[in-house]
Amino acid sequence: AALDGDQAAKDPANSDYARGVASR
């Protein structure tokens, strides 16, 4: 799950908000 979150946090297709949530 942490790896998935890290990938989502780095995905430029996601909004800033979504990347922040994924990182947390």
PDBML (XML) file of the C-alpha atoms, coordinates in Angstrom:
<?xml version="1.0" encoding="UTF-8" ?>
<PDBx:datablock datablockName="MODEL"
   xmlns:PDBx="http://pdbml.pdb.org/schema/pdbx-v50.xsd"
   xmlns:xsi="http://www.w3.org/2001/XMLSchema-instance"
   xsi:schemaLocation="http://pdbml.pdb.org/schema/pdbx-v50.xsd pdbx-v50.xsd">
   <PDBx:atom_siteCategory>
      <PDBx:atom_site id="1">
         <PDBx:B_iso_or_equiv>0.00</PDBx:B_iso_or_equiv>
         <PDBx:Cartn_x>0.000</PDBx:Cartn_x>
         <PDBx:Cartn_y>0.000</PDBx:Cartn_y>
         <PDBx:Cartn_z>0.000</PDBx:Cartn_z>
         <PDBx:auth_asym_id>A</PDBx:auth_asym_id>
         <PDBx:auth_atom_id>CA</PDBx:auth_atom_id>
         <PDBx:auth_comp_id>ALA</PDBx:auth_comp_id>
         <PDBx:auth_seq_id>1</PDBx:auth_seq_id>
         <PDBx:group_PDB>ATOM</PDBx:group_PDB>
         <PDBx:label_alt_id xsi:nil="true" />
         <PDBx:label_asym_id>A</PDBx:label_asym_id>
         <PDBx:label_atom_id>CA</PDBx:label_atom_id>
         <PDBx:label_comp_id>ALA</PDBx:label_comp_id>
         <PDBx:label_entity_id>1</PDBx:label_entity_id>
         <PDBx:label_seq_id>1</PDBx:label_seq_id>
         <PDBx:occupancy>1.00</PDBx:occupancy>
         <PDBx:pdbx_PDB_model_num>1</PDBx:pdbx_PDB_model_num>
         <PDBx:type_symbol>C</PDBx:type_symbol>
      </PDBx:atom_site>
      <PDBx:atom_site id="2">
         <PDBx:B_iso_or_equiv>0.00</PDBx:B_iso_or_equiv>
         <PDBx:Cartn_x>2.883</PDBx:Cartn_x>
         <PDBx:Cartn_y>2.361</PDBx:Cartn_y>
         <PDBx:Cartn_z>0.763</PDBx:Cartn_z>
         <PDBx:auth_asym_id>A</PDBx:auth_asym_id>
         <PDBx:auth_atom_id>CA</PDBx:auth_atom_id>
         <PDBx:auth_comp_id>ALA</PDBx:auth_comp_id>
         <PDBx:auth_seq_id>2</PDBx:auth_seq_id>
         <PDBx:group_PDB>ATOM</PDBx:group_PDB>
         <PDBx:label_alt_id xsi:nil="true" />
         <PDBx:label_asym_id>A</PDBx:label_asym_id>
         <PDBx:label_atom_id>CA</PDBx:label_atom_id>
         <PDBx:label_comp_id>ALA</PDBx:label_comp_id>
         <PDBx:label_entity_id>1</PDBx:label_entity_id>
         <PDBx:label_seq_id>2</PDBx:label_seq_id>
         <PDBx:occupancy>1.00</PDBx:occupancy>
         <PDBx:pdbx_PDB_model_num>1</PDBx:pdbx_PDB_model_num>
         <PDBx:type_symbol>C</PDBx:type_symbol>
      </PDBx:atom_site>
      <PDBx:atom_site id="3">
         <PDBx:B_iso_or_equiv>0.00</PDBx:B_iso_or_equiv>
         <PDBx:Cartn_x>4.367</PDBx:Cartn_x>
         <PDBx:Cartn_y>1.697</PDBx:Cartn_y>
         <PDBx:Cartn_z>-2.675</PDBx:Cartn_z>
         <PDBx:auth_asym_id>A</PDBx:auth_asym_id>
         <PDBx:auth_atom_id>CA</PDBx:auth_atom_id>
         <PDBx:auth_comp_id>LEU</PDBx:auth_comp_id>
         <PDBx:auth_seq_id>3</PDBx:auth_seq_id>
         <PDBx:group_PDB>ATOM</PDBx:group_PDB>
         <PDBx:label_alt_id xsi:nil="true" />
         <PDBx:label_asym_id>A</PDBx:label_asym_id>
         <PDBx:label_atom_id>CA</PDBx:label_atom_id>
         <PDBx:label_comp_id>LEU</PDBx:label_comp_id>
         <PDBx:label_entity_id>1</PDBx:label_entity_id>
         <PDBx:label_seq_id>3</PDBx:label_seq_id>
         <PDBx:occupancy>1.00</PDBx:occupancy>
         <PDBx:pdbx_PDB_model_num>1</PDBx:pdbx_PDB_model_num>
         <PDBx:type_symbol>C</PDBx:type_symbol>
      </PDBx:atom_site>
      <PDBx:atom_site id="4">
         <PDBx:B_iso_or_equiv>0.00</PDBx:B_iso_or_equiv>
         <PDBx:Cartn_x>1.002</PDBx:Cartn_x>
         <PDBx:Cartn_y>2.371</PDBx:Cartn_y>
         <PDBx:Cartn_z>-4.306</PDBx:Cartn_z>
         <PDBx:auth_asym_id>A</PDBx:auth_asym_id>
         <PDBx:auth_atom_id>CA</PDBx:auth_atom_id>
         <PDBx:auth_comp_id>ASP</PDBx:auth_comp_id>
         <PDBx:auth_seq_id>4</PDBx:auth_seq_id>
         <PDBx:group_PDB>ATOM</PDBx:group_PDB>
         <PDBx:label_alt_id xsi:nil="true" />
         <PDBx:label_asym_id>A</PDBx:label_asym_id>
         <PDBx:label_atom_id>CA</PDBx:label_atom_id>
         <PDBx:label_comp_id>ASP</PDBx:label_comp_id>
         <PDBx:label_entity_id>1</PDBx:label_entity_id>
         <PDBx:label_seq_id>4</PDBx:label_seq_id>
         <PDBx:occupancy>1.00</PDBx:occupancy>
         <PDBx:pdbx_PDB_model_num>1</PDBx:pdbx_PDB_model_num>
         <PDBx:type_symbol>C</PDBx:type_symbol>
      </PDBx:atom_site>
      <PDBx:atom_site id="5">
         <PDBx:B_iso_or_equiv>0.00</PDBx:B_iso_or_equiv>
         <PDBx:Cartn_x>0.707</PDBx:Cartn_x>
         <PDBx:Cartn_y>5.598</PDBx:Cartn_y>
         <PDBx:Cartn_z>-2.345</PDBx:Cartn_z>
         <PDBx:auth_asym_id>A</PDBx:auth_asym_id>
         <PDBx:auth_atom_id>CA</PDBx:auth_atom_id>
         <PDBx:auth_comp_id>GLY</PDBx:auth_comp_id>
         <PDBx:auth_seq_id>5</PDBx:auth_seq_id>
         <PDBx:group_PDB>ATOM</PDBx:group_PDB>
         <PDBx:label_alt_id xsi:nil="true" />
         <PDBx:label_asym_id>A</PDBx:label_asym_id>
         <PDBx:label_atom_id>CA</PDBx:label_atom_id>
         <PDBx:label_comp_id>GLY</PDBx:label_comp_id>
         <PDBx:label_entity_id>1</PDBx:label_entity_id>
         <PDBx:label_seq_id>5</PDBx:label_seq_id>
         <PDBx:occupancy>1.00</PDBx:occupancy>
         <PDBx:pdbx_PDB_model_num>1</PDBx:pdbx_PDB_model_num>
         <PDBx:type_symbol>C</PDBx:type_symbol>
      </PDBx:atom_site>
      <PDBx:atom_site id="6">
         <PDBx:B_iso_or_equiv>0.00</PDBx:B_iso_or_equiv>
         <PDBx:Cartn_x>4.211</PDBx:Cartn_x>
         <PDBx:Cartn_y>6.664</PDBx:Cartn_y>
         <PDBx:Cartn_z>-3.340</PDBx:Cartn_z>
         <PDBx:auth_asym_id>A</PDBx:auth_asym_id>
         <PDBx:auth_atom_id>CA</PDBx:auth_atom_id>
         <PDBx:auth_comp_id>ASP</PDBx:auth_comp_id>
         <PDBx:auth_seq_id>6</PDBx:auth_seq_id>
         <PDBx:group_PDB>ATOM</PDBx:group_PDB>
         <PDBx:label_alt_id xsi:nil="true" />
         <PDBx:label_asym_id>A</PDBx:label_asym_id>
         <PDBx:label_atom_id>CA</PDBx:label_atom_id>
         <PDBx:label_comp_id>ASP</PDBx:label_comp_id>
         <PDBx:label_entity_id>1</PDBx:label_entity_id>
         <PDBx:label_seq_id>6</PDBx:label_seq_id>
         <PDBx:occupancy>1.00</PDBx:occupancy>
         <PDBx:pdbx_PDB_model_num>1</PDBx:pdbx_PDB_model_num>
         <PDBx:type_symbol>C</PDBx:type_symbol>
      </PDBx:atom_site>
      <PDBx:atom_site id="7">
         <PDBx:B_iso_or_equiv>0.00</PDBx:B_iso_or_equiv>
         <PDBx:Cartn_x>3.388</PDBx:Cartn_x>
         <PDBx:Cartn_y>6.050</PDBx:Cartn_y>
         <PDBx:Cartn_z>-7.008</PDBx:Cartn_z>
         <PDBx:auth_asym_id>A</PDBx:auth_asym_id>
         <PDBx:auth_atom_id>CA</PDBx:auth_atom_id>
         <PDBx:auth_comp_id>GLN</PDBx:auth_comp_id>
         <PDBx:auth_seq_id>7</PDBx:auth_seq_id>
         <PDBx:group_PDB>ATOM</PDBx:group_PDB>
         <PDBx:label_alt_id xsi:nil="true" />
         <PDBx:label_asym_id>A</PDBx:label_asym_id>
         <PDBx:label_atom_id>CA</PDBx:label_atom_id>
         <PDBx:label_comp_id>GLN</PDBx:label_comp_id>
         <PDBx:label_entity_id>1</PDBx:label_entity_id>
         <PDBx:label_seq_id>7</PDBx:label_seq_id>
         <PDBx:occupancy>1.00</PDBx:occupancy>
         <PDBx:pdbx_PDB_model_num>1</PDBx:pdbx_PDB_model_num>
         <PDBx:type_symbol>C</PDBx:type_symbol>
      </PDBx:atom_site>
      <PDBx:atom_site id="8">
         <PDBx:B_iso_or_equiv>0.00</PDBx:B_iso_or_equiv>
         <PDBx:Cartn_x>0.146</PDBx:Cartn_x>
         <PDBx:Cartn_y>8.009</PDBx:Cartn_y>
         <PDBx:Cartn_z>-6.761</PDBx:Cartn_z>
         <PDBx:auth_asym_id>A</PDBx:auth_asym_id>
         <PDBx:auth_atom_id>CA</PDBx:auth_atom_id>
         <PDBx:auth_comp_id>ALA</PDBx:auth_comp_id>
         <PDBx:auth_seq_id>8</PDBx:auth_seq_id>
         <PDBx:group_PDB>ATOM</PDBx:group_PDB>
         <PDBx:label_alt_id xsi:nil="true" />
         <PDBx:label_asym_id>A</PDBx:label_asym_id>
         <PDBx:label_atom_id>CA</PDBx:label_atom_id>
         <PDBx:label_comp_id>ALA</PDBx:label_comp_id>
         <PDBx:label_entity_id>1</PDBx:label_entity_id>
         <PDBx:label_seq_id>8</PDBx:label_seq_id>
         <PDBx:occupancy>1.00</PDBx:occupancy>
         <PDBx:pdbx_PDB_model_num>1</PDBx:pdbx_PDB_model_num>
         <PDBx:type_symbol>C</PDBx:type_symbol>
      </PDBx:atom_site>
      <PDBx:atom_site id="9">
         <PDBx:B_iso_or_equiv>0.00</PDBx:B_iso_or_equiv>
         <PDBx:Cartn_x>1.977</PDBx:Cartn_x>
         <PDBx:Cartn_y>10.836</PDBx:Cartn_y>
         <PDBx:Cartn_z>-4.985</PDBx:Cartn_z>
         <PDBx:auth_asym_id>A</PDBx:auth_asym_id>
         <PDBx:auth_atom_id>CA</PDBx:auth_atom_id>
         <PDBx:auth_comp_id>ALA</PDBx:auth_comp_id>
         <PDBx:auth_seq_id>9</PDBx:auth_seq_id>
         <PDBx:group_PDB>ATOM</PDBx:group_PDB>
         <PDBx:label_alt_id xsi:nil="true" />
         <PDBx:label_asym_id>A</PDBx:label_asym_id>
         <PDBx:label_atom_id>CA</PDBx:label_atom_id>
         <PDBx:label_comp_id>ALA</PDBx:label_comp_id>
         <PDBx:label_entity_id>1</PDBx:label_entity_id>
         <PDBx:label_seq_id>9</PDBx:label_seq_id>
         <PDBx:occupancy>1.00</PDBx:occupancy>
         <PDBx:pdbx_PDB_model_num>1</PDBx:pdbx_PDB_model_num>
         <PDBx:type_symbol>C</PDBx:type_symbol>
      </PDBx:atom_site>
      <PDBx:atom_site id="10">
         <PDBx:B_iso_or_equiv>0.00</PDBx:B_iso_or_equiv>
         <PDBx:Cartn_x>4.411</PDBx:Cartn_x>
         <PDBx:Cartn_y>11.107</PDBx:Cartn_y>
         <PDBx:Cartn_z>-7.902</PDBx:Cartn_z>
         <PDBx:auth_asym_id>A</PDBx:auth_asym_id>
         <PDBx:auth_atom_id>CA</PDBx:auth_atom_id>
         <PDBx:auth_comp_id>LYS</PDBx:auth_comp_id>
         <PDBx:auth_seq_id>10</PDBx:auth_seq_id>
         <PDBx:group_PDB>ATOM</PDBx:group_PDB>
         <PDBx:label_alt_id xsi:nil="true" />
         <PDBx:label_asym_id>A</PDBx:label_asym_id>
         <PDBx:label_atom_id>CA</PDBx:label_atom_id>
         <PDBx:label_comp_id>LYS</PDBx:label_comp_id>
         <PDBx:label_entity_id>1</PDBx:label_entity_id>
         <PDBx:label_seq_id>10</PDBx:label_seq_id>
         <PDBx:occupancy>1.00</PDBx:occupancy>
         <PDBx:pdbx_PDB_model_num>1</PDBx:pdbx_PDB_model_num>
         <PDBx:type_symbol>C</PDBx:type_symbol>
      </PDBx:atom_site>
      <PDBx:atom_site id="11">
         <PDBx:B_iso_or_equiv>0.00</PDBx:B_iso_or_equiv>
         <PDBx:Cartn_x>1.803</PDBx:Cartn_x>
         <PDBx:Cartn_y>10.854</PDBx:Cartn_y>
         <PDBx:Cartn_z>-10.662</PDBx:Cartn_z>
         <PDBx:auth_asym_id>A</PDBx:auth_asym_id>
         <PDBx:auth_atom_id>CA</PDBx:auth_atom_id>
         <PDBx:auth_comp_id>ASP</PDBx:auth_comp_id>
         <PDBx:auth_seq_id>11</PDBx:auth_seq_id>
         <PDBx:group_PDB>ATOM</PDBx:group_PDB>
         <PDBx:label_alt_id xsi:nil="true" />
         <PDBx:label_asym_id>A</PDBx:label_asym_id>
         <PDBx:label_atom_id>CA</PDBx:label_atom_id>
         <PDBx:label_comp_id>ASP</PDBx:label_comp_id>
         <PDBx:label_entity_id>1</PDBx:label_entity_id>
         <PDBx:label_seq_id>11</PDBx:label_seq_id>
         <PDBx:occupancy>1.00</PDBx:occupancy>
         <PDBx:pdbx_PDB_model_num>1</PDBx:pdbx_PDB_model_num>
         <PDBx:type_symbol>C</PDBx:type_symbol>
      </PDBx:atom_site>
      <PDBx:atom_site id="12">
         <PDBx:B_iso_or_equiv>0.00</PDBx:B_iso_or_equiv>
         <PDBx:Cartn_x>1.480</PDBx:Cartn_x>
         <PDBx:Cartn_y>14.245</PDBx:Cartn_y>
         <PDBx:Cartn_z>-12.388</PDBx:Cartn_z>
         <PDBx:auth_asym_id>A</PDBx:auth_asym_id>
         <PDBx:auth_atom_id>CA</PDBx:auth_atom_id>
         <PDBx:auth_comp_id>PRO</PDBx:auth_comp_id>
         <PDBx:auth_seq_id>12</PDBx:auth_seq_id>
         <PDBx:group_PDB>ATOM</PDBx:group_PDB>
         <PDBx:label_alt_id xsi:nil="true" />
         <PDBx:label_asym_id>A</PDBx:label_asym_id>
         <PDBx:label_atom_id>CA</PDBx:label_atom_id>
         <PDBx:label_comp_id>PRO</PDBx:label_comp_id>
         <PDBx:label_entity_id>1</PDBx:label_entity_id>
         <PDBx:label_seq_id>12</PDBx:label_seq_id>
         <PDBx:occupancy>1.00</PDBx:occupancy>
         <PDBx:pdbx_PDB_model_num>1</PDBx:pdbx_PDB_model_num>
         <PDBx:type_symbol>C</PDBx:type_symbol>
      </PDBx:atom_site>
      <PDBx:atom_site id="13">
         <PDBx:B_iso_or_equiv>0.00</PDBx:B_iso_or_equiv>
         <PDBx:Cartn_x>-1.960</PDBx:Cartn_x>
         <PDBx:Cartn_y>13.208</PDBx:Cartn_y>
         <PDBx:Cartn_z>-13.664</PDBx:Cartn_z>
         <PDBx:auth_asym_id>A</PDBx:auth_asym_id>
         <PDBx:auth_atom_id>CA</PDBx:auth_atom_id>
         <PDBx:auth_comp_id>ALA</PDBx:auth_comp_id>
         <PDBx:auth_seq_id>13</PDBx:auth_seq_id>
         <PDBx:group_PDB>ATOM</PDBx:group_PDB>
         <PDBx:label_alt_id xsi:nil="true" />
         <PDBx:label_asym_id>A</PDBx:label_asym_id>
         <PDBx:label_atom_id>CA</PDBx:label_atom_id>
         <PDBx:label_comp_id>ALA</PDBx:label_comp_id>
         <PDBx:label_entity_id>1</PDBx:label_entity_id>
         <PDBx:label_seq_id>13</PDBx:label_seq_id>
         <PDBx:occupancy>1.00</PDBx:occupancy>
         <PDBx:pdbx_PDB_model_num>1</PDBx:pdbx_PDB_model_num>
         <PDBx:type_symbol>C</PDBx:type_symbol>
      </PDBx:atom_site>
      <PDBx:atom_site id="14">
         <PDBx:B_iso_or_equiv>0.00</PDBx:B_iso_or_equiv>
         <PDBx:Cartn_x>-3.258</PDBx:Cartn_x>
         <PDBx:Cartn_y>13.465</PDBx:Cartn_y>
         <PDBx:Cartn_z>-10.091</PDBx:Cartn_z>
         <PDBx:auth_asym_id>A</PDBx:auth_asym_id>
         <PDBx:auth_atom_id>CA</PDBx:auth_atom_id>
         <PDBx:auth_comp_id>ASN</PDBx:auth_comp_id>
         <PDBx:auth_seq_id>14</PDBx:auth_seq_id>
         <PDBx:group_PDB>ATOM</PDBx:group_PDB>
         <PDBx:label_alt_id xsi:nil="true" />
         <PDBx:label_asym_id>A</PDBx:label_asym_id>
         <PDBx:label_atom_id>CA</PDBx:label_atom_id>
         <PDBx:label_comp_id>ASN</PDBx:label_comp_id>
         <PDBx:label_entity_id>1</PDBx:label_entity_id>
         <PDBx:label_seq_id>14</PDBx:label_seq_id>
         <PDBx:occupancy>1.00</PDBx:occupancy>
         <PDBx:pdbx_PDB_model_num>1</PDBx:pdbx_PDB_model_num>
         <PDBx:type_symbol>C</PDBx:type_symbol>
      </PDBx:atom_site>
      <PDBx:atom_site id="15">
         <PDBx:B_iso_or_equiv>0.00</PDBx:B_iso_or_equiv>
         <PDBx:Cartn_x>-4.211</PDBx:Cartn_x>
         <PDBx:Cartn_y>16.788</PDBx:Cartn_y>
         <PDBx:Cartn_z>-8.568</PDBx:Cartn_z>
         <PDBx:auth_asym_id>A</PDBx:auth_asym_id>
         <PDBx:auth_atom_id>CA</PDBx:auth_atom_id>
         <PDBx:auth_comp_id>SER</PDBx:auth_comp_id>
         <PDBx:auth_seq_id>15</PDBx:auth_seq_id>
         <PDBx:group_PDB>ATOM</PDBx:group_PDB>
         <PDBx:label_alt_id xsi:nil="true" />
         <PDBx:label_asym_id>A</PDBx:label_asym_id>
         <PDBx:label_atom_id>CA</PDBx:label_atom_id>
         <PDBx:label_comp_id>SER</PDBx:label_comp_id>
         <PDBx:label_entity_id>1</PDBx:label_entity_id>
         <PDBx:label_seq_id>15</PDBx:label_seq_id>
         <PDBx:occupancy>1.00</PDBx:occupancy>
         <PDBx:pdbx_PDB_model_num>1</PDBx:pdbx_PDB_model_num>
         <PDBx:type_symbol>C</PDBx:type_symbol>
      </PDBx:atom_site>
      <PDBx:atom_site id="16">
         <PDBx:B_iso_or_equiv>0.00</PDBx:B_iso_or_equiv>
         <PDBx:Cartn_x>-2.010</PDBx:Cartn_x>
         <PDBx:Cartn_y>18.423</PDBx:Cartn_y>
         <PDBx:Cartn_z>-5.954</PDBx:Cartn_z>
         <PDBx:auth_asym_id>A</PDBx:auth_asym_id>
         <PDBx:auth_atom_id>CA</PDBx:auth_atom_id>
         <PDBx:auth_comp_id>ASP</PDBx:auth_comp_id>
         <PDBx:auth_seq_id>16</PDBx:auth_seq_id>
         <PDBx:group_PDB>ATOM</PDBx:group_PDB>
         <PDBx:label_alt_id xsi:nil="true" />
         <PDBx:label_asym_id>A</PDBx:label_asym_id>
         <PDBx:label_atom_id>CA</PDBx:label_atom_id>
         <PDBx:label_comp_id>ASP</PDBx:label_comp_id>
         <PDBx:label_entity_id>1</PDBx:label_entity_id>
         <PDBx:label_seq_id>16</PDBx:label_seq_id>
         <PDBx:occupancy>1.00</PDBx:occupancy>
         <PDBx:pdbx_PDB_model_num>1</PDBx:pdbx_PDB_model_num>
         <PDBx:type_symbol>C</PDBx:type_symbol>
      </PDBx:atom_site>
      <PDBx:atom_site id="17">
         <PDBx:B_iso_or_equiv>0.00</PDBx:B_iso_or_equiv>
         <PDBx:Cartn_x>-4.569</PDBx:Cartn_x>
         <PDBx:Cartn_y>17.472</PDBx:Cartn_y>
         <PDBx:Cartn_z>-3.345</PDBx:Cartn_z>
         <PDBx:auth_asym_id>A</PDBx:auth_asym_id>
         <PDBx:auth_atom_id>CA</PDBx:auth_atom_id>
         <PDBx:auth_comp_id>TYR</PDBx:auth_comp_id>
         <PDBx:auth_seq_id>17</PDBx:auth_seq_id>
         <PDBx:group_PDB>ATOM</PDBx:group_PDB>
         <PDBx:label_alt_id xsi:nil="true" />
         <PDBx:label_asym_id>A</PDBx:label_asym_id>
         <PDBx:label_atom_id>CA</PDBx:label_atom_id>
         <PDBx:label_comp_id>TYR</PDBx:label_comp_id>
         <PDBx:label_entity_id>1</PDBx:label_entity_id>
         <PDBx:label_seq_id>17</PDBx:label_seq_id>
         <PDBx:occupancy>1.00</PDBx:occupancy>
         <PDBx:pdbx_PDB_model_num>1</PDBx:pdbx_PDB_model_num>
         <PDBx:type_symbol>C</PDBx:type_symbol>
      </PDBx:atom_site>
      <PDBx:atom_site id="18">
         <PDBx:B_iso_or_equiv>0.00</PDBx:B_iso_or_equiv>
         <PDBx:Cartn_x>-4.678</PDBx:Cartn_x>
         <PDBx:Cartn_y>13.817</PDBx:Cartn_y>
         <PDBx:Cartn_z>-4.445</PDBx:Cartn_z>
         <PDBx:auth_asym_id>A</PDBx:auth_asym_id>
         <PDBx:auth_atom_id>CA</PDBx:auth_atom_id>
         <PDBx:auth_comp_id>ALA</PDBx:auth_comp_id>
         <PDBx:auth_seq_id>18</PDBx:auth_seq_id>
         <PDBx:group_PDB>ATOM</PDBx:group_PDB>
         <PDBx:label_alt_id xsi:nil="true" />
         <PDBx:label_asym_id>A</PDBx:label_asym_id>
         <PDBx:label_atom_id>CA</PDBx:label_atom_id>
         <PDBx:label_comp_id>ALA</PDBx:label_comp_id>
         <PDBx:label_entity_id>1</PDBx:label_entity_id>
         <PDBx:label_seq_id>18</PDBx:label_seq_id>
         <PDBx:occupancy>1.00</PDBx:occupancy>
         <PDBx:pdbx_PDB_model_num>1</PDBx:pdbx_PDB_model_num>
         <PDBx:type_symbol>C</PDBx:type_symbol>
      </PDBx:atom_site>
      <PDBx:atom_site id="19">
         <PDBx:B_iso_or_equiv>0.00</PDBx:B_iso_or_equiv>
         <PDBx:Cartn_x>-0.872</PDBx:Cartn_x>
         <PDBx:Cartn_y>13.628</PDBx:Cartn_y>
         <PDBx:Cartn_z>-4.476</PDBx:Cartn_z>
         <PDBx:auth_asym_id>A</PDBx:auth_asym_id>
         <PDBx:auth_atom_id>CA</PDBx:auth_atom_id>
         <PDBx:auth_comp_id>ARG</PDBx:auth_comp_id>
         <PDBx:auth_seq_id>19</PDBx:auth_seq_id>
         <PDBx:group_PDB>ATOM</PDBx:group_PDB>
         <PDBx:label_alt_id xsi:nil="true" />
         <PDBx:label_asym_id>A</PDBx:label_asym_id>
         <PDBx:label_atom_id>CA</PDBx:label_atom_id>
         <PDBx:label_comp_id>ARG</PDBx:label_comp_id>
         <PDBx:label_entity_id>1</PDBx:label_entity_id>
         <PDBx:label_seq_id>19</PDBx:label_seq_id>
         <PDBx:occupancy>1.00</PDBx:occupancy>
         <PDBx:pdbx_PDB_model_num>1</PDBx:pdbx_PDB_model_num>
         <PDBx:type_symbol>C</PDBx:type_symbol>
      </PDBx:atom_site>
      <PDBx:atom_site id="20">
         <PDBx:B_iso_or_equiv>0.00</PDBx:B_iso_or_equiv>
         <PDBx:Cartn_x>-0.765</PDBx:Cartn_x>
         <PDBx:Cartn_y>15.068</PDBx:Cartn_y>
         <PDBx:Cartn_z>-0.961</PDBx:Cartn_z>
         <PDBx:auth_asym_id>A</PDBx:auth_asym_id>
         <PDBx:auth_atom_id>CA</PDBx:auth_atom_id>
         <PDBx:auth_comp_id>GLY</PDBx:auth_comp_id>
         <PDBx:auth_seq_id>20</PDBx:auth_seq_id>
         <PDBx:group_PDB>ATOM</PDBx:group_PDB>
         <PDBx:label_alt_id xsi:nil="true" />
         <PDBx:label_asym_id>A</PDBx:label_asym_id>
         <PDBx:label_atom_id>CA</PDBx:label_atom_id>
         <PDBx:label_comp_id>GLY</PDBx:label_comp_id>
         <PDBx:label_entity_id>1</PDBx:label_entity_id>
         <PDBx:label_seq_id>20</PDBx:label_seq_id>
         <PDBx:occupancy>1.00</PDBx:occupancy>
         <PDBx:pdbx_PDB_model_num>1</PDBx:pdbx_PDB_model_num>
         <PDBx:type_symbol>C</PDBx:type_symbol>
      </PDBx:atom_site>
      <PDBx:atom_site id="21">
         <PDBx:B_iso_or_equiv>0.00</PDBx:B_iso_or_equiv>
         <PDBx:Cartn_x>-3.311</PDBx:Cartn_x>
         <PDBx:Cartn_y>12.587</PDBx:Cartn_y>
         <PDBx:Cartn_z>0.316</PDBx:Cartn_z>
         <PDBx:auth_asym_id>A</PDBx:auth_asym_id>
         <PDBx:auth_atom_id>CA</PDBx:auth_atom_id>
         <PDBx:auth_comp_id>VAL</PDBx:auth_comp_id>
         <PDBx:auth_seq_id>21</PDBx:auth_seq_id>
         <PDBx:group_PDB>ATOM</PDBx:group_PDB>
         <PDBx:label_alt_id xsi:nil="true" />
         <PDBx:label_asym_id>A</PDBx:label_asym_id>
         <PDBx:label_atom_id>CA</PDBx:label_atom_id>
         <PDBx:label_comp_id>VAL</PDBx:label_comp_id>
         <PDBx:label_entity_id>1</PDBx:label_entity_id>
         <PDBx:label_seq_id>21</PDBx:label_seq_id>
         <PDBx:occupancy>1.00</PDBx:occupancy>
         <PDBx:pdbx_PDB_model_num>1</PDBx:pdbx_PDB_model_num>
         <PDBx:type_symbol>C</PDBx:type_symbol>
      </PDBx:atom_site>
      <PDBx:atom_site id="22">
         <PDBx:B_iso_or_equiv>0.00</PDBx:B_iso_or_equiv>
         <PDBx:Cartn_x>-1.458</PDBx:Cartn_x>
         <PDBx:Cartn_y>9.708</PDBx:Cartn_y>
         <PDBx:Cartn_z>-1.361</PDBx:Cartn_z>
         <PDBx:auth_asym_id>A</PDBx:auth_asym_id>
         <PDBx:auth_atom_id>CA</PDBx:auth_atom_id>
         <PDBx:auth_comp_id>ALA</PDBx:auth_comp_id>
         <PDBx:auth_seq_id>22</PDBx:auth_seq_id>
         <PDBx:group_PDB>ATOM</PDBx:group_PDB>
         <PDBx:label_alt_id xsi:nil="true" />
         <PDBx:label_asym_id>A</PDBx:label_asym_id>
         <PDBx:label_atom_id>CA</PDBx:label_atom_id>
         <PDBx:label_comp_id>ALA</PDBx:label_comp_id>
         <PDBx:label_entity_id>1</PDBx:label_entity_id>
         <PDBx:label_seq_id>22</PDBx:label_seq_id>
         <PDBx:occupancy>1.00</PDBx:occupancy>
         <PDBx:pdbx_PDB_model_num>1</PDBx:pdbx_PDB_model_num>
         <PDBx:type_symbol>C</PDBx:type_symbol>
      </PDBx:atom_site>
      <PDBx:atom_site id="23">
         <PDBx:B_iso_or_equiv>0.00</PDBx:B_iso_or_equiv>
         <PDBx:Cartn_x>1.794</PDBx:Cartn_x>
         <PDBx:Cartn_y>10.814</PDBx:Cartn_y>
         <PDBx:Cartn_z>0.239</PDBx:Cartn_z>
         <PDBx:auth_asym_id>A</PDBx:auth_asym_id>
         <PDBx:auth_atom_id>CA</PDBx:auth_atom_id>
         <PDBx:auth_comp_id>SER</PDBx:auth_comp_id>
         <PDBx:auth_seq_id>23</PDBx:auth_seq_id>
         <PDBx:group_PDB>ATOM</PDBx:group_PDB>
         <PDBx:label_alt_id xsi:nil="true" />
         <PDBx:label_asym_id>A</PDBx:label_asym_id>
         <PDBx:label_atom_id>CA</PDBx:label_atom_id>
         <PDBx:label_comp_id>SER</PDBx:label_comp_id>
         <PDBx:label_entity_id>1</PDBx:label_entity_id>
         <PDBx:label_seq_id>23</PDBx:label_seq_id>
         <PDBx:occupancy>1.00</PDBx:occupancy>
         <PDBx:pdbx_PDB_model_num>1</PDBx:pdbx_PDB_model_num>
         <PDBx:type_symbol>C</PDBx:type_symbol>
      </PDBx:atom_site>
      <PDBx:atom_site id="24">
         <PDBx:B_iso_or_equiv>0.00</PDBx:B_iso_or_equiv>
         <PDBx:Cartn_x>0.239</PDBx:Cartn_x>
         <PDBx:Cartn_y>10.908</PDBx:Cartn_y>
         <PDBx:Cartn_z>3.703</PDBx:Cartn_z>
         <PDBx:auth_asym_id>A</PDBx:auth_asym_id>
         <PDBx:auth_atom_id>CA</PDBx:auth_atom_id>
         <PDBx:auth_comp_id>ARG</PDBx:auth_comp_id>
         <PDBx:auth_seq_id>24</PDBx:auth_seq_id>
         <PDBx:group_PDB>ATOM</PDBx:group_PDB>
         <PDBx:label_alt_id xsi:nil="true" />
         <PDBx:label_asym_id>A</PDBx:label_asym_id>
         <PDBx:label_atom_id>CA</PDBx:label_atom_id>
         <PDBx:label_comp_id>ARG</PDBx:label_comp_id>
         <PDBx:label_entity_id>1</PDBx:label_entity_id>
         <PDBx:label_seq_id>24</PDBx:label_seq_id>
         <PDBx:occupancy>1.00</PDBx:occupancy>
         <PDBx:pdbx_PDB_model_num>1</PDBx:pdbx_PDB_model_num>
         <PDBx:type_symbol>C</PDBx:type_symbol>
      </PDBx:atom_site>
   </PDBx:atom_siteCategory>
</PDBx:datablock>
